């Protein structure tokens, strides 16, 4: 009869992984980790791009709401060209909204004080246009009865068009 010693275990307990098996398992683990990290990096980039687009669109919505509200309340409105709208507010301020295509931004210009700076309302615009519907009264004076605004926000591969229109309440005739 054979005596078992502490350093001599049965064959079924002495089996371990060979060096080749260890290297193969490390290679598989490395490939899985690199795939997971690539997916994480792509996901983080997509989240950042969507966040930037959301911020641009939200700023454009707030800007559109401000412009349309001021047009509704304005005493006088004119659209000298498609990228600009001039108005005299209900408080008597002289303001202009101007699209700067080279900077891809919409500016608020306060014409009362030519020395002050222009305010950037929204950036990331690929297009901005204003159009005015006018009527001529019996005295031959043209009045703006509606202003239509369109903003195109573009960031990365995302693009959205915001449109709206407003009628100066001063020019509306209620019957």
N, C-alpha and C. Protein backbone atom coordinates (compact mmCIF):
# COMPACT_ATOMS: atom_id res chain seq x y z
N UNK A 1 0.81 -1.15 0.00
CA UNK A 1 0.00 0.00 0.00
C UNK A 1 0.87 1.23 0.00
N UNK A 2 0.43 2.19 -0.76
CA UNK A 2 1.21 3.40 -0.91
C UNK A 2 0.76 4.45 0.07
N UNK A 3 1.70 5.15 0.56
CA UNK A 3 1.41 6.22 1.51
C UNK A 3 1.43 7.56 0.79
N UNK A 4 0.44 8.34 1.05
CA UNK A 4 0.39 9.67 0.43
C UNK A 4 1.10 10.65 1.34
N UNK A 5 1.93 11.46 0.71
CA UNK A 5 2.60 12.50 1.47
C UNK A 5 2.01 13.84 1.09
N UNK A 6 2.39 14.89 1.79
CA UNK A 6 1.83 16.23 1.58
C UNK A 6 2.22 16.79 0.22
N UNK A 7 3.40 16.44 -0.29
CA UNK A 7 3.83 17.01 -1.55
C UNK A 7 3.41 16.16 -2.74
N UNK A 8 2.82 15.01 -2.50
CA UNK A 8 2.38 14.17 -3.60
C UNK A 8 0.87 14.05 -3.55
N UNK A 9 0.20 14.85 -4.43
CA UNK A 9 -1.25 14.82 -4.51
C UNK A 9 -1.67 13.93 -5.65
N UNK A 10 -2.91 13.49 -5.63
CA UNK A 10 -3.38 12.67 -6.75
C UNK A 10 -3.33 13.46 -8.06
N UNK A 11 -3.28 12.79 -9.16
CA UNK A 11 -3.13 13.41 -10.47
C UNK A 11 -4.27 14.37 -10.76
N UNK A 12 -5.48 14.06 -10.43
CA UNK A 12 -6.62 14.93 -10.73
C UNK A 12 -6.54 16.25 -9.98
N UNK A 13 -5.85 16.36 -8.87
CA UNK A 13 -5.70 17.60 -8.14
C UNK A 13 -4.46 18.39 -8.54
N UNK A 14 -3.50 17.73 -9.18
CA UNK A 14 -2.29 18.42 -9.58
C UNK A 14 -2.41 19.17 -10.89
N UNK A 15 -3.49 19.00 -11.62
CA UNK A 15 -3.62 19.65 -12.93
C UNK A 15 -3.82 21.14 -12.74
N UNK A 16 -3.13 21.96 -13.53
CA UNK A 16 -3.24 23.42 -13.50
C UNK A 16 -3.25 23.91 -14.94
N UNK A 17 -3.42 25.20 -15.09
CA UNK A 17 -3.42 25.77 -16.45
C UNK A 17 -2.00 25.87 -16.96
N UNK A 18 -1.86 25.55 -18.22
CA UNK A 18 -0.53 25.67 -18.81
C UNK A 18 -0.27 27.12 -19.20
N UNK A 19 0.94 27.43 -19.56
CA UNK A 19 1.32 28.78 -19.95
C UNK A 19 0.55 29.22 -21.20
N UNK A 20 0.33 28.36 -22.13
CA UNK A 20 -0.41 28.69 -23.35
C UNK A 20 -1.86 29.05 -23.01
N UNK A 21 -2.47 28.30 -22.13
CA UNK A 21 -3.85 28.59 -21.73
C UNK A 21 -3.95 29.94 -21.03
N UNK A 22 -2.99 30.26 -20.20
CA UNK A 22 -2.97 31.54 -19.51
C UNK A 22 -2.83 32.68 -20.51
N UNK A 23 -1.94 32.54 -21.48
CA UNK A 23 -1.75 33.58 -22.50
C UNK A 23 -2.99 33.77 -23.36
N UNK A 24 -3.66 32.70 -23.71
CA UNK A 24 -4.89 32.80 -24.51
C UNK A 24 -5.98 33.51 -23.71
N UNK A 25 -6.13 33.17 -22.45
CA UNK A 25 -7.16 33.82 -21.63
C UNK A 25 -6.85 35.30 -21.43
N UNK A 26 -5.58 35.65 -21.27
CA UNK A 26 -5.19 37.07 -21.16
C UNK A 26 -5.48 37.81 -22.47
N UNK A 27 -5.24 37.19 -23.59
CA UNK A 27 -5.54 37.82 -24.89
C UNK A 27 -7.03 38.06 -25.08
N UNK A 28 -7.84 37.09 -24.72
CA UNK A 28 -9.30 37.25 -24.82
C UNK A 28 -9.78 38.36 -23.90
N UNK A 29 -9.25 38.39 -22.67
CA UNK A 29 -9.64 39.44 -21.72
C UNK A 29 -9.23 40.82 -22.23
N UNK A 30 -8.04 40.92 -22.82
CA UNK A 30 -7.58 42.21 -23.36
C UNK A 30 -8.47 42.68 -24.50
N UNK A 31 -8.88 41.77 -25.38
CA UNK A 31 -9.77 42.14 -26.49
C UNK A 31 -11.13 42.61 -25.96
N UNK A 32 -11.66 41.93 -24.98
CA UNK A 32 -12.94 42.33 -24.40
C UNK A 32 -12.84 43.70 -23.73
N UNK A 33 -11.78 43.94 -22.99
CA UNK A 33 -11.60 45.24 -22.34
C UNK A 33 -11.42 46.36 -23.35
N UNK A 34 -10.69 46.11 -24.43
CA UNK A 34 -10.52 47.16 -25.44
C UNK A 34 -11.84 47.45 -26.16
N UNK A 35 -12.65 46.45 -26.39
CA UNK A 35 -13.97 46.67 -27.01
C UNK A 35 -14.87 47.47 -26.08
N UNK A 36 -14.85 47.16 -24.79
CA UNK A 36 -15.66 47.90 -23.83
C UNK A 36 -15.19 49.35 -23.73
N UNK A 37 -13.88 49.57 -23.72
CA UNK A 37 -13.38 50.95 -23.64
C UNK A 37 -13.70 51.73 -24.91
N UNK A 38 -13.64 51.12 -26.08
CA UNK A 38 -14.01 51.80 -27.32
C UNK A 38 -15.49 52.18 -27.31
N UNK A 39 -16.34 51.30 -26.81
CA UNK A 39 -17.77 51.61 -26.71
C UNK A 39 -18.00 52.74 -25.72
N UNK A 40 -17.27 52.76 -24.63
CA UNK A 40 -17.41 53.83 -23.64
C UNK A 40 -16.99 55.18 -24.24
N UNK A 41 -15.87 55.21 -24.95
CA UNK A 41 -15.39 56.46 -25.56
C UNK A 41 -16.40 56.96 -26.59
N UNK A 42 -16.93 56.08 -27.42
CA UNK A 42 -17.92 56.48 -28.41
C UNK A 42 -19.19 56.99 -27.75
N UNK A 43 -19.61 56.34 -26.68
CA UNK A 43 -20.80 56.78 -25.96
C UNK A 43 -20.58 58.16 -25.33
N UNK A 44 -19.42 58.39 -24.75
CA UNK A 44 -19.12 59.69 -24.14
C UNK A 44 -19.09 60.79 -25.19
N UNK A 45 -18.54 60.50 -26.36
CA UNK A 45 -18.50 61.49 -27.44
C UNK A 45 -19.91 61.82 -27.94
N UNK A 46 -20.76 60.81 -28.05
CA UNK A 46 -22.14 61.04 -28.49
C UNK A 46 -22.90 61.86 -27.46
N UNK A 47 -22.68 61.58 -26.19
CA UNK A 47 -23.36 62.35 -25.14
C UNK A 47 -22.92 63.80 -25.18
N UNK A 48 -21.63 64.03 -25.37
CA UNK A 48 -21.12 65.41 -25.43
C UNK A 48 -21.67 66.16 -26.65
N UNK A 49 -21.73 65.49 -27.79
CA UNK A 49 -22.28 66.12 -29.00
C UNK A 49 -23.76 66.44 -28.82
N UNK A 50 -24.52 65.53 -28.24
CA UNK A 50 -25.94 65.79 -28.01
C UNK A 50 -26.15 66.92 -27.01
N UNK A 51 -25.31 66.98 -25.99
CA UNK A 51 -25.41 68.05 -25.00
C UNK A 51 -25.14 69.41 -25.65
N UNK A 52 -24.10 69.47 -26.49
CA UNK A 52 -23.79 70.72 -27.19
C UNK A 52 -24.96 71.14 -28.09
N UNK A 53 -25.53 70.18 -28.81
CA UNK A 53 -26.67 70.49 -29.69
C UNK A 53 -27.87 70.96 -28.88
N UNK A 54 -28.13 70.30 -27.76
CA UNK A 54 -29.26 70.70 -26.91
C UNK A 54 -29.09 72.13 -26.42
N UNK A 55 -27.88 72.47 -26.00
CA UNK A 55 -27.62 73.84 -25.51
C UNK A 55 -27.82 74.87 -26.62
N UNK A 56 -27.34 74.58 -27.82
CA UNK A 56 -27.52 75.50 -28.96
C UNK A 56 -29.00 75.66 -29.30
N UNK A 57 -29.73 74.57 -29.34
CA UNK A 57 -31.15 74.63 -29.69
C UNK A 57 -31.92 75.37 -28.61
N UNK A 58 -31.61 75.12 -27.36
CA UNK A 58 -32.31 75.81 -26.27
C UNK A 58 -32.04 77.31 -26.32
N UNK A 59 -30.79 77.70 -26.58
CA UNK A 59 -30.47 79.12 -26.70
C UNK A 59 -31.21 79.74 -27.88
N UNK A 60 -31.33 79.01 -28.98
CA UNK A 60 -32.06 79.52 -30.15
C UNK A 60 -33.55 79.66 -29.84
N UNK A 61 -34.12 78.74 -29.10
CA UNK A 61 -35.54 78.83 -28.74
C UNK A 61 -35.81 80.05 -27.86
N UNK A 62 -34.94 80.27 -26.88
CA UNK A 62 -35.09 81.43 -26.00
C UNK A 62 -34.94 82.71 -26.81
N UNK A 63 -33.97 82.73 -27.70
CA UNK A 63 -33.74 83.91 -28.55
C UNK A 63 -34.94 84.16 -29.45
N UNK A 64 -35.48 83.12 -30.06
CA UNK A 64 -36.65 83.26 -30.94
C UNK A 64 -37.83 83.82 -30.15
N UNK A 65 -38.04 83.30 -28.95
CA UNK A 65 -39.14 83.78 -28.12
C UNK A 65 -38.96 85.26 -27.78
N UNK A 66 -37.74 85.66 -27.46
CA UNK A 66 -37.47 87.06 -27.13
C UNK A 66 -37.72 87.97 -28.33
N UNK A 67 -37.25 87.57 -29.50
CA UNK A 67 -37.44 88.39 -30.71
C UNK A 67 -38.92 88.53 -31.03
N UNK A 68 -39.65 87.42 -31.02
CA UNK A 68 -41.07 87.47 -31.37
C UNK A 68 -41.88 88.28 -30.35
N UNK A 69 -41.52 88.17 -29.07
CA UNK A 69 -42.21 88.96 -28.04
C UNK A 69 -41.96 90.44 -28.25
N UNK A 70 -40.71 90.82 -28.54
CA UNK A 70 -40.41 92.23 -28.77
C UNK A 70 -41.08 92.76 -30.03
N UNK A 71 -41.21 91.92 -31.05
CA UNK A 71 -41.92 92.35 -32.26
C UNK A 71 -43.39 92.60 -31.96
N UNK A 72 -44.00 91.72 -31.19
CA UNK A 72 -45.41 91.90 -30.84
C UNK A 72 -45.64 93.20 -30.07
N UNK A 73 -44.70 93.55 -29.20
CA UNK A 73 -44.86 94.73 -28.35
C UNK A 73 -44.31 96.01 -28.98
N UNK A 74 -43.66 95.92 -30.12
CA UNK A 74 -42.94 97.05 -30.69
C UNK A 74 -43.87 98.14 -31.21
N UNK A 75 -43.34 99.36 -31.16
CA UNK A 75 -44.05 100.50 -31.75
C UNK A 75 -43.80 100.57 -33.25
N UNK A 76 -42.60 100.22 -33.67
CA UNK A 76 -42.25 100.26 -35.09
C UNK A 76 -41.30 99.10 -35.40
N UNK A 77 -41.51 98.48 -36.56
CA UNK A 77 -40.69 97.35 -36.98
C UNK A 77 -40.32 97.54 -38.43
N UNK A 78 -39.08 97.21 -38.77
CA UNK A 78 -38.69 97.19 -40.19
C UNK A 78 -37.70 96.05 -40.40
N UNK A 79 -37.71 95.53 -41.62
CA UNK A 79 -36.79 94.47 -42.01
C UNK A 79 -36.04 94.99 -43.23
N UNK A 80 -34.87 95.64 -43.02
CA UNK A 80 -34.14 96.20 -44.15
C UNK A 80 -33.59 95.15 -45.11
N UNK A 81 -33.18 94.00 -44.58
CA UNK A 81 -32.76 92.86 -45.41
C UNK A 81 -33.01 91.59 -44.63
N UNK A 82 -32.82 90.45 -45.28
CA UNK A 82 -33.23 89.16 -44.70
C UNK A 82 -32.50 88.81 -43.42
N UNK A 83 -31.33 89.36 -43.17
CA UNK A 83 -30.58 89.00 -41.99
C UNK A 83 -30.69 90.00 -40.86
N UNK A 84 -31.64 90.92 -40.94
CA UNK A 84 -31.72 91.97 -39.92
C UNK A 84 -33.17 92.39 -39.70
N UNK A 85 -33.50 92.66 -38.44
CA UNK A 85 -34.78 93.25 -38.10
C UNK A 85 -34.50 94.40 -37.12
N UNK A 86 -35.08 95.57 -37.42
CA UNK A 86 -34.94 96.75 -36.57
C UNK A 86 -36.28 97.04 -35.92
N UNK A 87 -36.24 97.46 -34.66
CA UNK A 87 -37.51 97.78 -34.00
C UNK A 87 -37.31 98.82 -32.91
N UNK A 88 -38.39 99.55 -32.67
CA UNK A 88 -38.49 100.47 -31.55
C UNK A 88 -39.40 99.78 -30.55
N UNK A 89 -38.86 99.48 -29.36
CA UNK A 89 -39.62 98.72 -28.37
C UNK A 89 -40.70 99.59 -27.74
N UNK A 90 -41.56 98.97 -26.96
CA UNK A 90 -42.62 99.70 -26.27
C UNK A 90 -42.06 100.68 -25.25
N UNK A 91 -40.83 100.42 -24.77
CA UNK A 91 -40.18 101.34 -23.84
C UNK A 91 -39.45 102.47 -24.56
N UNK A 92 -39.41 102.42 -25.90
CA UNK A 92 -38.75 103.45 -26.69
C UNK A 92 -37.31 103.14 -27.05
N UNK A 93 -36.83 101.96 -26.74
CA UNK A 93 -35.46 101.58 -27.08
C UNK A 93 -35.36 101.23 -28.56
N UNK A 94 -34.24 101.59 -29.16
CA UNK A 94 -33.97 101.28 -30.57
C UNK A 94 -33.05 100.07 -30.60
N UNK A 95 -33.55 98.94 -31.13
CA UNK A 95 -32.79 97.69 -31.14
C UNK A 95 -32.78 97.08 -32.53
N UNK A 96 -31.75 96.30 -32.77
CA UNK A 96 -31.65 95.53 -34.01
C UNK A 96 -31.18 94.13 -33.68
N UNK A 97 -31.69 93.19 -34.41
CA UNK A 97 -31.21 91.81 -34.36
C UNK A 97 -30.55 91.54 -35.70
N UNK A 98 -29.27 91.15 -35.67
CA UNK A 98 -28.48 91.01 -36.88
C UNK A 98 -27.81 89.65 -36.90
N UNK A 99 -27.95 88.94 -38.03
CA UNK A 99 -27.28 87.66 -38.22
C UNK A 99 -25.89 87.91 -38.79
N UNK A 100 -24.87 87.37 -38.11
CA UNK A 100 -23.48 87.47 -38.56
C UNK A 100 -23.09 86.11 -39.14
N UNK A 101 -23.13 85.96 -40.49
CA UNK A 101 -22.85 84.64 -41.08
C UNK A 101 -21.40 84.19 -40.90
N UNK A 102 -20.45 85.12 -40.83
CA UNK A 102 -19.06 84.71 -40.68
C UNK A 102 -18.82 84.13 -39.28
N UNK A 103 -19.47 84.68 -38.27
CA UNK A 103 -19.34 84.17 -36.91
C UNK A 103 -20.39 83.15 -36.56
N UNK A 104 -21.35 82.91 -37.47
CA UNK A 104 -22.46 81.96 -37.25
C UNK A 104 -23.19 82.27 -35.95
N UNK A 105 -23.58 83.55 -35.78
CA UNK A 105 -24.23 83.96 -34.53
C UNK A 105 -25.26 85.04 -34.80
N UNK A 106 -26.15 85.21 -33.85
CA UNK A 106 -27.17 86.25 -33.91
C UNK A 106 -26.84 87.28 -32.85
N UNK A 107 -26.79 88.54 -33.26
CA UNK A 107 -26.39 89.62 -32.36
C UNK A 107 -27.57 90.51 -32.03
N UNK A 108 -27.57 91.03 -30.81
CA UNK A 108 -28.50 92.07 -30.39
C UNK A 108 -27.70 93.36 -30.35
N UNK A 109 -28.14 94.35 -31.14
CA UNK A 109 -27.45 95.63 -31.21
C UNK A 109 -28.37 96.68 -30.62
N UNK A 110 -27.91 97.34 -29.58
CA UNK A 110 -28.68 98.44 -29.01
C UNK A 110 -28.22 99.73 -29.68
N UNK A 111 -29.08 100.31 -30.49
CA UNK A 111 -28.71 101.48 -31.28
C UNK A 111 -28.76 102.78 -30.49
N UNK A 112 -29.34 102.74 -29.28
CA UNK A 112 -29.42 103.96 -28.46
C UNK A 112 -28.03 104.46 -28.06
N UNK A 113 -27.14 103.53 -27.75
CA UNK A 113 -25.79 103.88 -27.33
C UNK A 113 -24.79 103.21 -28.27
N UNK A 114 -24.28 103.94 -29.27
CA UNK A 114 -23.37 103.32 -30.24
C UNK A 114 -22.06 102.84 -29.62
N UNK A 115 -21.71 103.32 -28.44
CA UNK A 115 -20.46 102.94 -27.81
C UNK A 115 -20.49 101.61 -27.09
N UNK A 116 -21.69 101.08 -26.82
CA UNK A 116 -21.74 99.82 -26.09
C UNK A 116 -21.50 98.65 -27.05
N UNK A 117 -21.20 97.52 -26.46
CA UNK A 117 -20.88 96.34 -27.27
C UNK A 117 -22.15 95.65 -27.76
N UNK A 118 -21.99 94.84 -28.79
CA UNK A 118 -23.09 94.03 -29.29
C UNK A 118 -23.14 92.73 -28.49
N UNK A 119 -24.34 92.23 -28.27
CA UNK A 119 -24.53 91.04 -27.46
C UNK A 119 -24.78 89.84 -28.36
N UNK A 120 -24.03 88.77 -28.13
CA UNK A 120 -24.27 87.53 -28.88
C UNK A 120 -25.38 86.77 -28.18
N UNK A 121 -26.47 86.55 -28.90
CA UNK A 121 -27.60 85.85 -28.31
C UNK A 121 -27.49 84.34 -28.48
N UNK A 122 -27.08 83.91 -29.66
CA UNK A 122 -26.97 82.48 -29.93
C UNK A 122 -25.89 82.26 -30.97
N UNK A 123 -25.13 81.19 -30.77
CA UNK A 123 -24.10 80.80 -31.73
C UNK A 123 -24.46 79.48 -32.38
N UNK A 124 -23.67 79.06 -33.33
CA UNK A 124 -23.93 77.78 -34.00
C UNK A 124 -25.04 77.83 -35.02
N UNK A 125 -25.33 79.03 -35.54
CA UNK A 125 -26.38 79.16 -36.55
C UNK A 125 -25.78 79.00 -37.94
N UNK A 126 -26.39 78.20 -38.77
CA UNK A 126 -25.94 78.10 -40.15
C UNK A 126 -26.74 79.03 -41.05
N UNK A 127 -27.93 79.44 -40.59
CA UNK A 127 -28.76 80.38 -41.37
C UNK A 127 -29.73 81.08 -40.44
N UNK A 128 -30.08 82.29 -40.83
CA UNK A 128 -31.07 83.07 -40.09
C UNK A 128 -31.69 84.04 -41.07
N UNK A 129 -33.00 84.13 -41.06
CA UNK A 129 -33.64 85.08 -41.98
C UNK A 129 -34.89 85.66 -41.34
N UNK A 130 -35.17 86.89 -41.75
CA UNK A 130 -36.37 87.59 -41.33
C UNK A 130 -37.09 88.06 -42.59
N UNK A 131 -38.40 87.96 -42.59
CA UNK A 131 -39.21 88.44 -43.72
C UNK A 131 -40.40 89.21 -43.16
N UNK A 132 -40.77 90.27 -43.86
CA UNK A 132 -41.86 91.12 -43.38
C UNK A 132 -42.98 91.15 -44.41
N UNK A 133 -44.20 91.04 -43.91
CA UNK A 133 -45.38 91.28 -44.74
C UNK A 133 -45.82 92.71 -44.45
N UNK A 134 -46.07 93.45 -45.51
CA UNK A 134 -46.43 94.86 -45.33
C UNK A 134 -47.75 95.15 -46.03
N UNK A 135 -48.39 96.21 -45.58
CA UNK A 135 -49.57 96.75 -46.24
C UNK A 135 -49.37 98.26 -46.37
N UNK A 136 -49.97 98.82 -47.38
CA UNK A 136 -49.88 100.26 -47.59
C UNK A 136 -51.23 100.87 -47.26
N UNK A 137 -51.21 101.88 -46.39
CA UNK A 137 -52.47 102.51 -45.98
C UNK A 137 -52.90 103.55 -47.02
N UNK A 138 -54.01 104.22 -46.76
CA UNK A 138 -54.57 105.20 -47.70
C UNK A 138 -53.62 106.37 -47.93
N UNK A 139 -52.78 106.67 -46.97
CA UNK A 139 -51.83 107.78 -47.12
C UNK A 139 -50.55 107.37 -47.84
N UNK A 140 -50.44 106.12 -48.28
CA UNK A 140 -49.26 105.65 -48.99
C UNK A 140 -48.13 105.20 -48.08
N UNK A 141 -48.39 105.05 -46.80
CA UNK A 141 -47.36 104.63 -45.85
C UNK A 141 -47.43 103.11 -45.70
N UNK A 142 -46.25 102.49 -45.82
CA UNK A 142 -46.18 101.03 -45.67
C UNK A 142 -46.03 100.67 -44.20
N UNK A 143 -46.81 99.71 -43.76
CA UNK A 143 -46.76 99.23 -42.37
C UNK A 143 -46.44 97.73 -42.37
N UNK A 144 -45.58 97.34 -41.45
CA UNK A 144 -45.28 95.91 -41.27
C UNK A 144 -46.40 95.30 -40.45
N UNK A 145 -47.04 94.27 -41.01
CA UNK A 145 -48.14 93.62 -40.29
C UNK A 145 -47.74 92.25 -39.75
N UNK A 146 -46.65 91.68 -40.25
CA UNK A 146 -46.19 90.39 -39.74
C UNK A 146 -44.72 90.23 -40.08
N UNK A 147 -43.97 89.68 -39.13
CA UNK A 147 -42.56 89.36 -39.34
C UNK A 147 -42.40 87.86 -39.10
N UNK A 148 -41.78 87.19 -40.07
CA UNK A 148 -41.50 85.77 -39.95
C UNK A 148 -40.00 85.59 -39.74
N UNK A 149 -39.64 84.81 -38.74
CA UNK A 149 -38.23 84.57 -38.43
C UNK A 149 -37.93 83.08 -38.58
N UNK A 150 -36.73 82.78 -39.05
CA UNK A 150 -36.29 81.40 -39.22
C UNK A 150 -34.83 81.30 -38.77
N UNK A 151 -34.56 80.37 -37.87
CA UNK A 151 -33.20 80.12 -37.38
C UNK A 151 -32.86 78.66 -37.67
N UNK A 152 -31.67 78.42 -38.22
CA UNK A 152 -31.20 77.06 -38.45
C UNK A 152 -29.99 76.83 -37.56
N UNK A 153 -30.14 75.93 -36.59
CA UNK A 153 -29.08 75.61 -35.64
C UNK A 153 -28.38 74.34 -36.12
N UNK A 154 -27.05 74.41 -36.17
CA UNK A 154 -26.28 73.26 -36.64
C UNK A 154 -25.09 73.04 -35.72
N UNK A 155 -24.98 71.84 -35.19
CA UNK A 155 -23.81 71.47 -34.38
C UNK A 155 -23.50 70.01 -34.65
N UNK A 156 -22.29 69.77 -35.09
CA UNK A 156 -21.91 68.40 -35.45
C UNK A 156 -22.75 67.92 -36.62
N UNK A 157 -23.34 66.73 -36.48
CA UNK A 157 -24.19 66.18 -37.52
C UNK A 157 -25.67 66.52 -37.31
N UNK A 158 -25.96 67.29 -36.28
CA UNK A 158 -27.34 67.63 -35.95
C UNK A 158 -27.71 68.98 -36.54
N UNK A 159 -28.95 69.07 -37.02
CA UNK A 159 -29.44 70.32 -37.60
C UNK A 159 -30.94 70.43 -37.32
N UNK A 160 -31.35 71.63 -36.93
CA UNK A 160 -32.77 71.85 -36.66
C UNK A 160 -33.14 73.26 -37.10
N UNK A 161 -34.35 73.40 -37.64
CA UNK A 161 -34.85 74.70 -38.09
C UNK A 161 -35.98 75.13 -37.16
N UNK A 162 -35.86 76.35 -36.64
CA UNK A 162 -36.90 76.93 -35.81
C UNK A 162 -37.52 78.09 -36.58
N UNK A 163 -38.83 78.12 -36.65
CA UNK A 163 -39.52 79.21 -37.34
C UNK A 163 -40.63 79.75 -36.45
N UNK A 164 -40.95 80.99 -36.67
CA UNK A 164 -42.03 81.62 -35.94
C UNK A 164 -42.39 82.93 -36.60
N UNK A 165 -43.55 83.44 -36.25
CA UNK A 165 -43.95 84.74 -36.79
C UNK A 165 -44.69 85.51 -35.71
N UNK A 166 -44.65 86.81 -35.86
CA UNK A 166 -45.32 87.68 -34.90
C UNK A 166 -45.84 88.89 -35.64
N UNK A 167 -46.96 89.40 -35.15
CA UNK A 167 -47.55 90.61 -35.72
C UNK A 167 -47.48 91.71 -34.66
N UNK A 168 -46.93 92.86 -35.04
CA UNK A 168 -46.93 93.97 -34.08
C UNK A 168 -48.36 94.32 -33.71
N UNK A 169 -48.68 94.29 -32.44
CA UNK A 169 -50.06 94.52 -32.00
C UNK A 169 -50.53 95.91 -32.36
N UNK A 170 -49.63 96.82 -32.47
CA UNK A 170 -49.98 98.19 -32.82
C UNK A 170 -50.59 98.30 -34.21
N UNK A 171 -50.18 97.37 -35.08
CA UNK A 171 -50.65 97.41 -36.47
C UNK A 171 -51.90 96.57 -36.70
N UNK A 172 -52.36 95.87 -35.69
CA UNK A 172 -53.53 95.03 -35.87
C UNK A 172 -54.79 95.87 -35.73
N UNK A 173 -55.72 95.60 -36.60
CA UNK A 173 -57.02 96.29 -36.55
C UNK A 173 -58.07 95.26 -36.14
N UNK A 174 -58.76 95.52 -35.09
CA UNK A 174 -59.79 94.61 -34.60
C UNK A 174 -61.14 95.11 -35.08
N UNK A 175 -61.90 94.22 -35.66
CA UNK A 175 -63.20 94.60 -36.20
C UNK A 175 -64.30 93.86 -35.49
